[in-house]
């Protein structure tokens, strides 16, 4: 199987386990990542670490990959997103598509496809 796909499969497991350091280990030091909560883009490990800590303090998002599709410059992952508040009430339940590019064996960019 493709090494980048394997990396993504583990990334989703680590994200759902809230293992920030493991996820960051799969990301390029200059990673470009969407800031879905506040808008804009995040760059680098520290910005993403802070973003996830804020996000996870307020909500409990969970992503279940449904399909992996190779792209000319990376991979697309269709995933079921369920976001709950701290009391367990579902705030969002939808399918999203994430597209990833890679550099030096690490995720370089992630985009949420609309």
PDB file of N, CA and C in Angstrom:
ATOM      1  N   UNK A   1       0.852  -1.188   0.000  1.00  0.00           N
ATOM      2  CA  UNK A   1       0.000   0.000   0.000  1.00  0.00           C
ATOM      3  C   UNK A   1       0.892   1.244   0.000  1.00  0.00           C
ATOM      4  N   UNK A   2       0.391   2.320  -0.484  1.00  0.00           N
ATOM      5  CA  UNK A   2       1.090   3.588  -0.564  1.00  0.00           C
ATOM      6  C   UNK A   2       1.467   4.088   0.835  1.00  0.00           C
ATOM      7  N   UNK A   3       2.702   4.519   0.975  1.00  0.00           N
ATOM      8  CA  UNK A   3       3.207   4.997   2.270  1.00  0.00           C
ATOM      9  C   UNK A   3       2.432   6.225   2.755  1.00  0.00           C
ATOM     10  N   UNK A   4       2.078   7.121   1.834  1.00  0.00           N
ATOM     11  CA  UNK A   4       1.322   8.317   2.233  1.00  0.00           C
ATOM     12  C   UNK A   4      -0.086   7.965   2.711  1.00  0.00           C
ATOM     13  N   UNK A   5      -0.683   6.970   2.073  1.00  0.00           N
ATOM     14  CA  UNK A   5      -2.009   6.547   2.543  1.00  0.00           C
ATOM     15  C   UNK A   5      -1.891   5.957   3.945  1.00  0.00           C
ATOM     16  N   UNK A   6      -0.889   5.143   4.174  1.00  0.00           N
ATOM     17  CA  UNK A   6      -0.681   4.581   5.517  1.00  0.00           C
ATOM     18  C   UNK A   6      -0.516   5.696   6.546  1.00  0.00           C
ATOM     19  N   UNK A   7       0.235   6.721   6.175  1.00  0.00           N
ATOM     20  CA  UNK A   7       0.443   7.854   7.067  1.00  0.00           C
ATOM     21  C   UNK A   7      -0.898   8.516   7.414  1.00  0.00           C
ATOM     22  N   UNK A   8      -1.754   8.685   6.402  1.00  0.00           N
ATOM     23  CA  UNK A   8      -3.064   9.299   6.636  1.00  0.00           C
ATOM     24  C   UNK A   8      -3.953   8.424   7.508  1.00  0.00           C
ATOM     25  N   UNK A   9      -3.943   7.128   7.271  1.00  0.00           N
ATOM     26  CA  UNK A   9      -4.764   6.230   8.092  1.00  0.00           C
ATOM     27  C   UNK A   9      -4.396   6.383   9.564  1.00  0.00           C
ATOM     28  N   UNK A  10      -3.102   6.419   9.858  1.00  0.00           N
ATOM     29  CA  UNK A  10      -2.656   6.567  11.247  1.00  0.00           C
ATOM     30  C   UNK A  10      -2.957   7.969  11.771  1.00  0.00           C
ATOM     31  N   UNK A  11      -2.880   8.967  10.910  1.00  0.00           N
ATOM     32  CA  UNK A  11      -3.172  10.336  11.309  1.00  0.00           C
ATOM     33  C   UNK A  11      -4.590  10.453  11.850  1.00  0.00           C
ATOM     34  N   UNK A  12      -5.556   9.843  11.176  1.00  0.00           N
ATOM     35  CA  UNK A  12      -6.949   9.903  11.649  1.00  0.00           C
ATOM     36  C   UNK A  12      -7.110   9.168  12.985  1.00  0.00           C
ATOM     37  N   UNK A  13      -6.440   8.039  13.148  1.00  0.00           N
ATOM     38  CA  UNK A  13      -6.493   7.327  14.432  1.00  0.00           C
ATOM     39  C   UNK A  13      -5.935   8.209  15.541  1.00  0.00           C
ATOM     40  N   UNK A  14      -4.767   8.786  15.287  1.00  0.00           N
ATOM     41  CA  UNK A  14      -4.126   9.629  16.303  1.00  0.00           C
ATOM     42  C   UNK A  14      -4.944  10.877  16.609  1.00  0.00           C
ATOM     43  N   UNK A  15      -5.552  11.470  15.588  1.00  0.00           N
ATOM     44  CA  UNK A  15      -6.403  12.644  15.806  1.00  0.00           C
ATOM     45  C   UNK A  15      -7.579  12.277  16.719  1.00  0.00           C
ATOM     46  N   UNK A  16      -8.248  11.184  16.419  1.00  0.00           N
ATOM     47  CA  UNK A  16      -9.398  10.772  17.229  1.00  0.00           C
ATOM     48  C   UNK A  16      -8.990  10.376  18.640  1.00  0.00           C
ATOM     49  N   UNK A  17      -7.748   9.925  18.810  1.00  0.00           N
ATOM     50  CA  UNK A  17      -7.215   9.598  20.140  1.00  0.00           C
ATOM     51  C   UNK A  17      -6.706  10.839  20.870  1.00  0.00           C
ATOM     52  N   UNK A  18      -6.726  11.986  20.191  1.00  0.00           N
ATOM     53  CA  UNK A  18      -6.230  13.258  20.734  1.00  0.00           C
ATOM     54  C   UNK A  18      -4.732  13.185  21.050  1.00  0.00           C
ATOM     55  N   UNK A  19      -4.004  12.420  20.258  1.00  0.00           N
ATOM     56  CA  UNK A  19      -2.551  12.307  20.404  1.00  0.00           C
ATOM     57  C   UNK A  19      -1.907  13.367  19.514  1.00  0.00           C
ATOM     58  N   UNK A  20      -1.878  14.600  20.021  1.00  0.00           N
ATOM     59  CA  UNK A  20      -1.410  15.744  19.252  1.00  0.00           C
ATOM     60  C   UNK A  20       0.001  15.528  18.732  1.00  0.00           C
ATOM     61  N   UNK A  21       0.883  15.053  19.573  1.00  0.00           N
ATOM     62  CA  UNK A  21       2.281  14.914  19.160  1.00  0.00           C
ATOM     63  C   UNK A  21       2.441  13.872  18.054  1.00  0.00           C
ATOM     64  N   UNK A  22       1.661  12.797  18.098  1.00  0.00           N
ATOM     65  CA  UNK A  22       1.726  11.795  17.031  1.00  0.00           C
ATOM     66  C   UNK A  22       1.236  12.383  15.710  1.00  0.00           C
ATOM     67  N   UNK A  23       0.142  13.146  15.755  1.00  0.00           N
ATOM     68  CA  UNK A  23      -0.361  13.768  14.524  1.00  0.00           C
ATOM     69  C   UNK A  23       0.666  14.759  13.990  1.00  0.00           C
ATOM     70  N   UNK A  24       1.212  15.584  14.857  1.00  0.00           N
ATOM     71  CA  UNK A  24       2.207  16.561  14.407  1.00  0.00           C
ATOM     72  C   UNK A  24       3.432  15.869  13.817  1.00  0.00           C
ATOM     73  N   UNK A  25       3.752  14.683  14.299  1.00  0.00           N
ATOM     74  CA  UNK A  25       4.871  13.927  13.746  1.00  0.00           C
ATOM     75  C   UNK A  25       4.652  13.518  12.304  1.00  0.00           C
ATOM     76  N   UNK A  26       3.399  13.508  11.851  1.00  0.00           N
ATOM     77  CA  UNK A  26       3.079  13.168  10.461  1.00  0.00           C
ATOM     78  C   UNK A  26       3.003  14.402   9.571  1.00  0.00           C
ATOM     79  N   UNK A  27       3.147  15.590  10.173  1.00  0.00           N
ATOM     80  CA  UNK A  27       3.012  16.839   9.445  1.00  0.00           C
ATOM     81  C   UNK A  27       4.374  17.493   9.218  1.00  0.00           C
ATOM     82  N   UNK A  28       4.567  18.032   8.032  1.00  0.00           N
ATOM     83  CA  UNK A  28       5.779  18.771   7.688  1.00  0.00           C
ATOM     84  C   UNK A  28       5.924  19.943   8.660  1.00  0.00           C
ATOM     85  N   UNK A  29       7.145  20.320   9.045  1.00  0.00           N
ATOM     86  CA  UNK A  29       7.308  21.450   9.971  1.00  0.00           C
ATOM     87  C   UNK A  29       6.661  22.744   9.478  1.00  0.00           C
ATOM     88  N   UNK A  30       6.555  22.924   8.171  1.00  0.00           N
ATOM     89  CA  UNK A  30       5.942  24.122   7.605  1.00  0.00           C
ATOM     90  C   UNK A  30       4.569  23.807   7.012  1.00  0.00           C
ATOM     91  N   UNK A  31       3.864  22.883   7.628  1.00  0.00           N
ATOM     92  CA  UNK A  31       2.552  22.454   7.148  1.00  0.00           C
ATOM     93  C   UNK A  31       1.601  23.644   7.016  1.00  0.00           C
ATOM     94  N   UNK A  32       0.734  23.563   6.024  1.00  0.00           N
ATOM     95  CA  UNK A  32      -0.312  24.562   5.771  1.00  0.00           C
ATOM     96  C   UNK A  32      -1.639  23.850   6.005  1.00  0.00           C
ATOM     97  N   UNK A  33      -2.417  24.321   6.999  1.00  0.00           N
ATOM     98  CA  UNK A  33      -3.600  23.603   7.489  1.00  0.00           C
ATOM     99  C   UNK A  33      -4.776  24.565   7.603  1.00  0.00           C
ATOM    100  N   UNK A  34      -6.007  24.128   7.309  1.00  0.00           N
ATOM    101  CA  UNK A  34      -7.151  25.041   7.430  1.00  0.00           C
ATOM    102  C   UNK A  34      -7.543  25.288   8.881  1.00  0.00           C
ATOM    103  N   UNK A  35      -7.964  26.506   9.145  1.00  0.00           N
ATOM    104  CA  UNK A  35      -8.526  26.864  10.437  1.00  0.00           C
ATOM    105  C   UNK A  35     -10.035  26.908  10.249  1.00  0.00           C
ATOM    106  N   UNK A  36     -10.653  25.762  10.400  1.00  0.00           N
ATOM    107  CA  UNK A  36     -12.093  25.637  10.134  1.00  0.00           C
ATOM    108  C   UNK A  36     -12.950  26.369  11.159  1.00  0.00           C
ATOM    109  N   UNK A  37     -12.471  26.547  12.350  1.00  0.00           N
ATOM    110  CA  UNK A  37     -13.262  27.187  13.404  1.00  0.00           C
ATOM    111  C   UNK A  37     -13.280  28.704  13.266  1.00  0.00           C
ATOM    112  N   UNK A  38     -12.126  29.291  12.938  1.00  0.00           N
ATOM    113  CA  UNK A  38     -11.984  30.746  12.962  1.00  0.00           C
ATOM    114  C   UNK A  38     -11.757  31.352  11.584  1.00  0.00           C
ATOM    115  N   UNK A  39     -11.556  30.505  10.583  1.00  0.00           N
ATOM    116  CA  UNK A  39     -11.272  30.983   9.236  1.00  0.00           C
ATOM    117  C   UNK A  39      -9.781  31.151   9.009  1.00  0.00           C
ATOM    118  N   UNK A  40      -9.403  31.136   7.749  1.00  0.00           N
ATOM    119  CA  UNK A  40      -8.008  31.335   7.397  1.00  0.00           C
ATOM    120  C   UNK A  40      -7.219  30.033   7.396  1.00  0.00           C
ATOM    121  N   UNK A  41      -5.905  30.172   7.452  1.00  0.00           N
ATOM    122  CA  UNK A  41      -4.995  29.035   7.386  1.00  0.00           C
ATOM    123  C   UNK A  41      -4.030  29.097   8.567  1.00  0.00           C
ATOM    124  N   UNK A  42      -3.542  27.930   8.946  1.00  0.00           N
ATOM    125  CA  UNK A  42      -2.541  27.814   9.996  1.00  0.00           C
ATOM    126  C   UNK A  42      -1.246  27.311   9.368  1.00  0.00           C
ATOM    127  N   UNK A  43      -0.123  27.765   9.880  1.00  0.00           N
ATOM    128  CA  UNK A  43       1.166  27.307   9.385  1.00  0.00           C
ATOM    129  C   UNK A  43       2.031  26.860  10.553  1.00  0.00           C
ATOM    130  N   UNK A  44       2.557  25.645  10.446  1.00  0.00           N
ATOM    131  CA  UNK A  44       3.490  25.140  11.439  1.00  0.00           C
ATOM    132  C   UNK A  44       2.837  24.395  12.582  1.00  0.00           C
ATOM    133  N   UNK A  45       3.678  23.605  13.250  1.00  0.00           N
ATOM    134  CA  UNK A  45       3.209  22.732  14.325  1.00  0.00           C
ATOM    135  C   UNK A  45       2.602  23.492  15.498  1.00  0.00           C
ATOM    136  N   UNK A  46       3.252  24.564  15.934  1.00  0.00           N
ATOM    137  CA  UNK A  46       2.765  25.268  17.130  1.00  0.00           C
ATOM    138  C   UNK A  46       1.378  25.847  16.905  1.00  0.00           C
ATOM    139  N   UNK A  47       1.145  26.428  15.738  1.00  0.00           N
ATOM    140  CA  UNK A  47      -0.173  27.006  15.436  1.00  0.00           C
ATOM    141  C   UNK A  47      -1.246  25.925  15.422  1.00  0.00           C
ATOM    142  N   UNK A  48      -0.927  24.766  14.871  1.00  0.00           N
ATOM    143  CA  UNK A  48      -1.902  23.674  14.811  1.00  0.00           C
ATOM    144  C   UNK A  48      -2.138  23.082  16.195  1.00  0.00           C
ATOM    145  N   UNK A  49      -1.079  22.916  16.976  1.00  0.00           N
ATOM    146  CA  UNK A  49      -1.218  22.399  18.344  1.00  0.00           C
ATOM    147  C   UNK A  49      -2.166  23.301  19.139  1.00  0.00           C
ATOM    148  N   UNK A  50      -1.945  24.607  19.081  1.00  0.00           N
ATOM    149  CA  UNK A  50      -2.789  25.550  19.813  1.00  0.00           C
ATOM    150  C   UNK A  50      -4.231  25.508  19.321  1.00  0.00           C
ATOM    151  N   UNK A  51      -4.404  25.435  18.010  1.00  0.00           N
ATOM    152  CA  UNK A  51      -5.738  25.366  17.410  1.00  0.00           C
ATOM    153  C   UNK A  51      -6.497  24.150  17.917  1.00  0.00           C
ATOM    154  N   UNK A  52      -5.869  22.974  17.859  1.00  0.00           N
ATOM    155  CA  UNK A  52      -6.557  21.766  18.312  1.00  0.00           C
ATOM    156  C   UNK A  52      -6.860  21.811  19.803  1.00  0.00           C
ATOM    157  N   UNK A  53      -5.978  22.337  20.592  1.00  0.00           N
ATOM    158  CA  UNK A  53      -6.250  22.425  22.036  1.00  0.00           C
ATOM    159  C   UNK A  53      -7.469  23.309  22.302  1.00  0.00           C
ATOM    160  N   UNK A  54      -7.585  24.422  21.595  1.00  0.00           N
ATOM    161  CA  UNK A  54      -8.770  25.279  21.742  1.00  0.00           C
ATOM    162  C   UNK A  54     -10.012  24.541  21.263  1.00  0.00           C
ATOM    163  N   UNK A  55      -9.897  23.899  20.109  1.00  0.00           N
ATOM    164  CA  UNK A  55     -11.038  23.183  19.527  1.00  0.00           C
ATOM    165  C   UNK A  55     -11.512  22.079  20.470  1.00  0.00           C
ATOM    166  N   UNK A  56     -10.589  21.268  20.957  1.00  0.00           N
ATOM    167  CA  UNK A  56     -10.955  20.129  21.789  1.00  0.00           C
ATOM    168  C   UNK A  56     -11.426  20.548  23.180  1.00  0.00           C
ATOM    169  N   UNK A  57     -11.076  21.726  23.633  1.00  0.00           N
ATOM    170  CA  UNK A  57     -11.587  22.221  24.917  1.00  0.00           C
ATOM    171  C   UNK A  57     -13.070  22.572  24.804  1.00  0.00           C
ATOM    172  N   UNK A  58     -13.493  22.969  23.608  1.00  0.00           N
ATOM    173  CA  UNK A  58     -14.876  23.408  23.406  1.00  0.00           C
ATOM    174  C   UNK A  58     -15.783  22.321  22.841  1.00  0.00           C
ATOM    175  N   UNK A  59     -15.231  21.454  21.982  1.00  0.00           N
ATOM    176  CA  UNK A  59     -16.051  20.441  21.303  1.00  0.00           C
ATOM    177  C   UNK A  59     -15.299  19.115  21.245  1.00  0.00           C
ATOM    178  N   UNK A  60     -16.015  18.087  20.823  1.00  0.00           N
ATOM    179  CA  UNK A  60     -15.440  16.750  20.677  1.00  0.00           C
ATOM    180  C   UNK A  60     -15.670  16.270  19.236  1.00  0.00           C
ATOM    181  N   UNK A  61     -14.771  16.654  18.303  1.00  0.00           N
ATOM    182  CA  UNK A  61     -14.919  16.204  16.924  1.00  0.00           C
ATOM    183  C   UNK A  61     -14.346  14.803  16.735  1.00  0.00           C
ATOM    184  N   UNK A  62     -14.978  14.023  15.891  1.00  0.00           N
ATOM    185  CA  UNK A  62     -14.508  12.674  15.572  1.00  0.00           C
ATOM    186  C   UNK A  62     -14.641  12.477  14.063  1.00  0.00           C
ATOM    187  N   UNK A  63     -13.566  11.986  13.437  1.00  0.00           N
ATOM    188  CA  UNK A  63     -13.543  11.750  11.992  1.00  0.00           C
ATOM    189  C   UNK A  63     -13.364  10.272  11.701  1.00  0.00           C
ATOM    190  N   UNK A  64     -14.260   9.711  10.897  1.00  0.00           N
ATOM    191  CA  UNK A  64     -14.173   8.318  10.478  1.00  0.00           C
ATOM    192  C   UNK A  64     -13.943   8.282   8.968  1.00  0.00           C
ATOM    193  N   UNK A  65     -12.736   7.904   8.520  1.00  0.00           N
ATOM    194  CA  UNK A  65     -12.496   7.822   7.077  1.00  0.00           C
ATOM    195  C   UNK A  65     -13.427   6.804   6.418  1.00  0.00           C
ATOM    196  N   UNK A  66     -13.983   7.192   5.274  1.00  0.00           N
ATOM    197  CA  UNK A  66     -14.881   6.333   4.514  1.00  0.00           C
ATOM    198  C   UNK A  66     -14.237   5.845   3.224  1.00  0.00           C
ATOM    199  N   UNK A  67     -13.408   6.695   2.607  1.00  0.00           N
ATOM    200  CA  UNK A  67     -12.783   6.344   1.332  1.00  0.00           C
ATOM    201  C   UNK A  67     -11.505   7.153   1.148  1.00  0.00           C
ATOM    202  N   UNK A  68     -10.518   6.520   0.544  1.00  0.00           N
ATOM    203  CA  UNK A  68      -9.253   7.153   0.192  1.00  0.00           C
ATOM    204  C   UNK A  68      -9.139   7.128  -1.329  1.00  0.00           C
ATOM    205  N   UNK A  69      -8.861   8.292  -1.922  1.00  0.00           N
ATOM    206  CA  UNK A  69      -8.752   8.392  -3.373  1.00  0.00           C
ATOM    207  C   UNK A  69      -7.414   9.033  -3.727  1.00  0.00           C
ATOM    208  N   UNK A  70      -6.606   8.343  -4.540  1.00  0.00           N
ATOM    209  CA  UNK A  70      -5.342   8.965  -4.946  1.00  0.00           C
ATOM    210  C   UNK A  70      -5.594  10.155  -5.864  1.00  0.00           C
ATOM    211  N   UNK A  71      -4.794  11.184  -5.697  1.00  0.00           N
ATOM    212  CA  UNK A  71      -4.832  12.378  -6.529  1.00  0.00           C
ATOM    213  C   UNK A  71      -3.483  12.517  -7.229  1.00  0.00           C
ATOM    214  N   UNK A  72      -3.410  13.287  -8.287  1.00  0.00           N
ATOM    215  CA  UNK A  72      -2.115  13.458  -8.965  1.00  0.00           C
ATOM    216  C   UNK A  72      -1.014  13.978  -8.037  1.00  0.00           C
ATOM    217  N   UNK A  73      -1.399  14.795  -7.045  1.00  0.00           N
ATOM    218  CA  UNK A  73      -0.394  15.377  -6.152  1.00  0.00           C
ATOM    219  C   UNK A  73      -0.589  14.979  -4.685  1.00  0.00           C
ATOM    220  N   UNK A  74      -1.346  13.912  -4.419  1.00  0.00           N
ATOM    221  CA  UNK A  74      -1.556  13.499  -3.030  1.00  0.00           C
ATOM    222  C   UNK A  74      -2.709  12.536  -2.876  1.00  0.00           C
ATOM    223  N   UNK A  75      -3.508  12.745  -1.843  1.00  0.00           N
ATOM    224  CA  UNK A  75      -4.658  11.881  -1.539  1.00  0.00           C
ATOM    225  C   UNK A  75      -5.844  12.731  -1.122  1.00  0.00           C
ATOM    226  N   UNK A  76      -7.053  12.235  -1.414  1.00  0.00           N
ATOM    227  CA  UNK A  76      -8.292  12.795  -0.874  1.00  0.00           C
ATOM    228  C   UNK A  76      -8.876  11.754   0.070  1.00  0.00           C
ATOM    229  N   UNK A  77      -9.406  12.220   1.180  1.00  0.00           N
ATOM    230  CA  UNK A  77     -10.040  11.335   2.150  1.00  0.00           C
ATOM    231  C   UNK A  77     -11.456  11.841   2.396  1.00  0.00           C
ATOM    232  N   UNK A  78     -12.427  10.986   2.098  1.00  0.00           N
ATOM    233  CA  UNK A  78     -13.806  11.280   2.445  1.00  0.00           C
ATOM    234  C   UNK A  78     -14.023  10.721   3.846  1.00  0.00           C
ATOM    235  N   UNK A  79     -14.549  11.557   4.746  1.00  0.00           N
ATOM    236  CA  UNK A  79     -14.685  11.132   6.136  1.00  0.00           C
ATOM    237  C   UNK A  79     -16.007  11.612   6.724  1.00  0.00           C
ATOM    238  N   UNK A  80     -16.542  10.806   7.632  1.00  0.00           N
ATOM    239  CA  UNK A  80     -17.727  11.188   8.397  1.00  0.00           C
ATOM    240  C   UNK A  80     -17.256  12.029   9.574  1.00  0.00           C
ATOM    241  N   UNK A  81     -17.751  13.245   9.668  1.00  0.00           N
ATOM    242  CA  UNK A  81     -17.420  14.150  10.758  1.00  0.00           C
ATOM    243  C   UNK A  81     -18.615  14.236  11.696  1.00  0.00           C
ATOM    244  N   UNK A  82     -18.372  13.939  12.960  1.00  0.00           N
ATOM    245  CA  UNK A  82     -19.388  14.134  13.996  1.00  0.00           C
ATOM    246  C   UNK A  82     -18.756  14.998  15.077  1.00  0.00           C
ATOM    247  N   UNK A  83     -19.390  16.118  15.356  1.00  0.00           N
ATOM    248  CA  UNK A  83     -18.909  17.043  16.376  1.00  0.00           C
ATOM    249  C   UNK A  83     -19.961  17.120  17.468  1.00  0.00           C
ATOM    250  N   UNK A  84     -19.518  16.892  18.699  1.00  0.00           N
ATOM    251  CA  UNK A  84     -20.407  16.990  19.859  1.00  0.00           C
ATOM    252  C   UNK A  84     -19.905  18.095  20.771  1.00  0.00           C
ATOM    253  N   UNK A  85     -20.836  18.689  21.512  1.00  0.00           N
ATOM    254  CA  UNK A  85     -20.406  19.627  22.537  1.00  0.00           C
ATOM    255  C   UNK A  85     -19.945  18.831  23.754  1.00  0.00           C
ATOM    256  N   UNK A  86     -19.505  19.494  24.785  1.00  0.00           N
ATOM    257  CA  UNK A  86     -18.962  18.814  25.962  1.00  0.00           C
ATOM    258  C   UNK A  86     -20.027  18.012  26.703  1.00  0.00           C
ATOM    259  N   UNK A  87     -21.308  18.303  26.472  1.00  0.00           N
ATOM    260  CA  UNK A  87     -22.401  17.551  27.109  1.00  0.00           C
ATOM    261  C   UNK A  87     -22.822  16.347  26.266  1.00  0.00           C
ATOM    262  N   UNK A  88     -22.222  16.183  25.079  1.00  0.00           N
ATOM    263  CA  UNK A  88     -22.545  15.041  24.230  1.00  0.00           C
ATOM    264  C   UNK A  88     -23.600  15.308  23.175  1.00  0.00           C
ATOM    265  N   UNK A  89     -24.091  16.543  23.084  1.00  0.00           N
ATOM    266  CA  UNK A  89     -25.088  16.878  22.065  1.00  0.00           C
ATOM    267  C   UNK A  89     -24.393  17.042  20.716  1.00  0.00           C
ATOM    268  N   UNK A  90     -24.978  16.421  19.681  1.00  0.00           N
ATOM    269  CA  UNK A  90     -24.400  16.504  18.341  1.00  0.00           C
ATOM    270  C   UNK A  90     -24.634  17.896  17.770  1.00  0.00           C
ATOM    271  N   UNK A  91     -23.529  18.545  17.392  1.00  0.00           N
ATOM    272  CA  UNK A  91     -23.579  19.871  16.790  1.00  0.00           C
ATOM    273  C   UNK A  91     -23.473  19.811  15.273  1.00  0.00           C
ATOM    274  N   UNK A  92     -22.795  18.783  14.770  1.00  0.00           N
ATOM    275  CA  UNK A  92     -22.569  18.653  13.332  1.00  0.00           C
ATOM    276  C   UNK A  92     -22.393  17.177  13.006  1.00  0.00           C
ATOM    277  N   UNK A  93     -22.978  16.744  11.914  1.00  0.00           N
ATOM    278  CA  UNK A  93     -22.856  15.360  11.451  1.00  0.00           C
ATOM    279  C   UNK A  93     -22.941  15.398   9.933  1.00  0.00           C
ATOM    280  N   UNK A  94     -21.790  15.269   9.264  1.00  0.00           N
ATOM    281  CA  UNK A  94     -21.750  15.372   7.810  1.00  0.00           C
ATOM    282  C   UNK A  94     -20.522  14.657   7.261  1.00  0.00           C
ATOM    283  N   UNK A  95     -20.538  14.463   5.962  1.00  0.00           N
ATOM    284  CA  UNK A  95     -19.383  13.895   5.268  1.00  0.00           C
ATOM    285  C   UNK A  95     -18.559  15.050   4.724  1.00  0.00           C
ATOM    286  N   UNK A  96     -17.253  14.985   4.957  1.00  0.00           N
ATOM    287  CA  UNK A  96     -16.315  16.002   4.478  1.00  0.00           C
ATOM    288  C   UNK A  96     -15.256  15.321   3.615  1.00  0.00           C
ATOM    289  N   UNK A  97     -14.619  16.103   2.766  1.00  0.00           N
ATOM    290  CA  UNK A  97     -13.499  15.602   1.983  1.00  0.00           C
ATOM    291  C   UNK A  97     -12.278  16.447   2.280  1.00  0.00           C
ATOM    292  N   UNK A  98     -11.219  15.776   2.682  1.00  0.00           N
ATOM    293  CA  UNK A  98      -9.942  16.423   2.944  1.00  0.00           C
ATOM    294  C   UNK A  98      -8.984  16.040   1.827  1.00  0.00           C
ATOM    295  N   UNK A  99      -8.260  16.994   1.293  1.00  0.00           N
ATOM    296  CA  UNK A  99      -7.230  16.672   0.308  1.00  0.00           C
ATOM    297  C   UNK A  99      -5.866  17.026   0.902  1.00  0.00           C
ATOM    298  N   UNK A 100      -4.918  16.142   0.676  1.00  0.00           N
ATOM    299  CA  UNK A 100      -3.585  16.249   1.268  1.00  0.00           C
ATOM    300  C   UNK A 100      -2.513  16.226   0.191  1.00  0.00           C
ATOM    301  N   UNK A 101      -1.472  17.035   0.380  1.00  0.00           N
ATOM    302  CA  UNK A 101      -0.252  16.916  -0.407  1.00  0.00           C
ATOM    303  C   UNK A 101       0.876  16.575   0.567  1.00  0.00           C
ATOM    304  N   UNK A 102       1.985  16.101   0.007  1.00  0.00           N
ATOM    305  CA  UNK A 102       3.088  15.592   0.828  1.00  0.00           C
ATOM    306  C   UNK A 102       4.417  16.170   0.370  1.00  0.00           C
ATOM    307  N   UNK A 103       5.326  16.291   1.324  1.00  0.00           N
ATOM    308  CA  UNK A 103       6.693  16.705   1.048  1.00  0.00           C
ATOM    309  C   UNK A 103       7.593  15.999   2.054  1.00  0.00           C
ATOM    310  N   UNK A 104       8.649  15.393   1.552  1.00  0.00           N
ATOM    311  CA  UNK A 104       9.595  14.677   2.416  1.00  0.00           C
ATOM    312  C   UNK A 104       8.918  13.615   3.275  1.00  0.00           C
ATOM    313  N   UNK A 105       7.892  12.953   2.723  1.00  0.00           N
ATOM    314  CA  UNK A 105       7.208  11.879   3.437  1.00  0.00           C
ATOM    315  C   UNK A 105       6.263  12.339   4.525  1.00  0.00           C
ATOM    316  N   UNK A 106       5.941  13.641   4.561  1.00  0.00           N
ATOM    317  CA  UNK A 106       5.057  14.210   5.572  1.00  0.00           C
ATOM    318  C   UNK A 106       3.959  15.023   4.893  1.00  0.00           C
ATOM    319  N   UNK A 107       2.844  15.216   5.611  1.00  0.00           N
ATOM    320  CA  UNK A 107       1.758  16.045   5.084  1.00  0.00           C
ATOM    321  C   UNK A 107       2.244  17.481   4.997  1.00  0.00           C
ATOM    322  N   UNK A 108       2.145  18.057   3.801  1.00  0.00           N
ATOM    323  CA  UNK A 108       2.570  19.448   3.578  1.00  0.00           C
ATOM    324  C   UNK A 108       1.378  20.398   3.592  1.00  0.00           C
ATOM    325  N   UNK A 109       0.261  19.982   2.979  1.00  0.00           N
ATOM    326  CA  UNK A 109      -0.950  20.803   2.985  1.00  0.00           C
ATOM    327  C   UNK A 109      -2.177  19.937   3.198  1.00  0.00           C
ATOM    328  N   UNK A 110      -3.179  20.519   3.818  1.00  0.00           N
ATOM    329  CA  UNK A 110      -4.491  19.877   3.929  1.00  0.00           C
ATOM    330  C   UNK A 110      -5.522  20.941   3.598  1.00  0.00           C
ATOM    331  N   UNK A 111      -6.489  20.546   2.795  1.00  0.00           N
ATOM    332  CA  UNK A 111      -7.586  21.426   2.418  1.00  0.00           C
ATOM    333  C   UNK A 111      -8.903  20.691   2.657  1.00  0.00           C
ATOM    334  N   UNK A 112      -9.917  21.426   3.034  1.00  0.00           N
ATOM    335  CA  UNK A 112     -11.259  20.885   3.165  1.00  0.00           C
ATOM    336  C   UNK A 112     -11.992  21.282   1.896  1.00  0.00           C
ATOM    337  N   UNK A 113     -12.424  20.278   1.141  1.00  0.00           N
ATOM    338  CA  UNK A 113     -13.109  20.522  -0.128  1.00  0.00           C
ATOM    339  C   UNK A 113     -14.562  20.862   0.156  1.00  0.00           C
ATOM    340  N   UNK A 114     -15.072  21.836  -0.537  1.00  0.00           N
ATOM    341  CA  UNK A 114     -16.469  22.263  -0.376  1.00  0.00           C
ATOM    342  C   UNK A 114     -17.292  21.714  -1.516  1.00  0.00           C
TER     343      UNK A 114
END
